[in-house]
Protein backbone atom coordinates (compact mmCIF):
# COMPACT_ATOMS: atom_id res chain seq x y z
CA UNK A 1 0.00 0.00 0.00
CA UNK A 2 1.38 3.39 -1.02
CA UNK A 3 1.08 6.30 1.42
CA UNK A 4 -0.91 8.27 -1.15
CA UNK A 5 -3.54 5.51 -1.24
CA UNK A 6 -4.40 6.03 2.44
CA UNK A 7 -7.54 8.05 3.29
CA UNK A 8 -5.45 10.90 4.64
CA UNK A 9 -5.58 14.67 4.15
CA UNK A 10 -2.64 16.80 5.25
CA UNK A 11 -2.91 20.53 5.87
CA UNK A 12 0.36 22.31 6.61
CA UNK A 13 0.24 25.78 8.19
CA UNK A 14 3.04 28.27 7.55
CA UNK A 15 3.03 29.81 11.03
CA UNK A 16 6.49 28.53 11.99
CA UNK A 17 9.75 28.10 10.11
CA UNK A 18 9.84 24.39 10.90
CA UNK A 19 6.86 23.95 8.55
CA UNK A 20 9.35 24.22 5.68
CA UNK A 21 11.30 21.25 7.03
CA UNK A 22 8.08 19.29 7.54
CA UNK A 23 7.04 20.01 3.94
CA UNK A 24 10.42 18.96 2.53
CA UNK A 25 10.31 15.76 4.60
CA UNK A 26 6.83 14.89 3.37
CA UNK A 27 7.81 15.59 -0.24
CA UNK A 28 10.96 13.46 0.10
CA UNK A 29 8.76 10.60 1.35
CA UNK A 30 6.61 10.95 -1.75
CA UNK A 31 3.52 12.32 -0.01
CA UNK A 32 1.25 14.11 -2.48
CA UNK A 33 -1.81 16.36 -2.40
CA UNK A 34 -0.80 18.42 0.63
CA UNK A 35 -2.78 21.56 1.43
CA UNK A 36 -0.84 24.61 2.64
CA UNK A 37 -1.88 27.94 4.04
CA UNK A 38 -3.11 30.38 5.06
CA UNK A 39 -0.69 32.20 2.74
CA UNK A 40 2.40 31.02 0.90
CA UNK A 41 5.78 32.00 2.34
CA UNK A 42 7.85 34.49 0.39
CA UNK A 43 10.31 31.95 -0.97
CA UNK A 44 7.54 30.10 -2.83
CA UNK A 45 7.52 31.98 -6.11
CA UNK A 46 4.71 31.49 -8.61
CA UNK A 47 6.95 29.26 -10.75
CA UNK A 48 7.93 27.12 -7.76
CA UNK A 49 4.29 26.85 -6.65
CA UNK A 50 3.31 25.75 -10.16
CA UNK A 51 6.07 23.12 -10.19
CA UNK A 52 5.10 21.77 -6.75
CA UNK A 53 1.45 21.67 -7.80
CA UNK A 54 2.31 19.76 -10.98
CA UNK A 55 4.74 17.28 -9.40
CA UNK A 56 3.24 16.80 -5.93
CA UNK A 57 -0.31 18.15 -6.01
CA UNK A 58 0.61 20.88 -3.51
CA UNK A 59 -2.27 23.34 -3.26
CA UNK A 60 -3.34 26.25 -1.09
CA UNK A 61 -6.26 26.07 1.28
CA UNK A 62 -9.42 27.85 0.17
CA UNK A 63 -12.57 28.00 2.28
CA UNK A 64 -13.37 25.71 5.17
CA UNK A 65 -16.41 24.21 3.47
CA UNK A 66 -14.65 23.66 0.12
CA UNK A 67 -11.54 22.15 1.71
CA UNK A 68 -13.59 19.89 3.97
CA UNK A 69 -15.71 18.70 1.05
CA UNK A 70 -12.56 17.90 -0.96
CA UNK A 71 -10.90 16.13 1.97
CA UNK A 72 -13.96 13.96 2.59
CA UNK A 73 -14.47 13.16 -1.08
């Protein structure tokens, strides 16, 4: 069983610098479809965000109801 097959939704908040290390660790383990927010840190340029979205499914959080519906889908 691959980790991405598990019924798991990860939301990573950018409130502390260690969130960057957590994100890099998850990406190195092959975890995909991670939600991040509430805003992107300054080092995540539009090009880098597009690349991470394409390769890993990294996406920003939106509204509570929309994110919850997606996570439970």
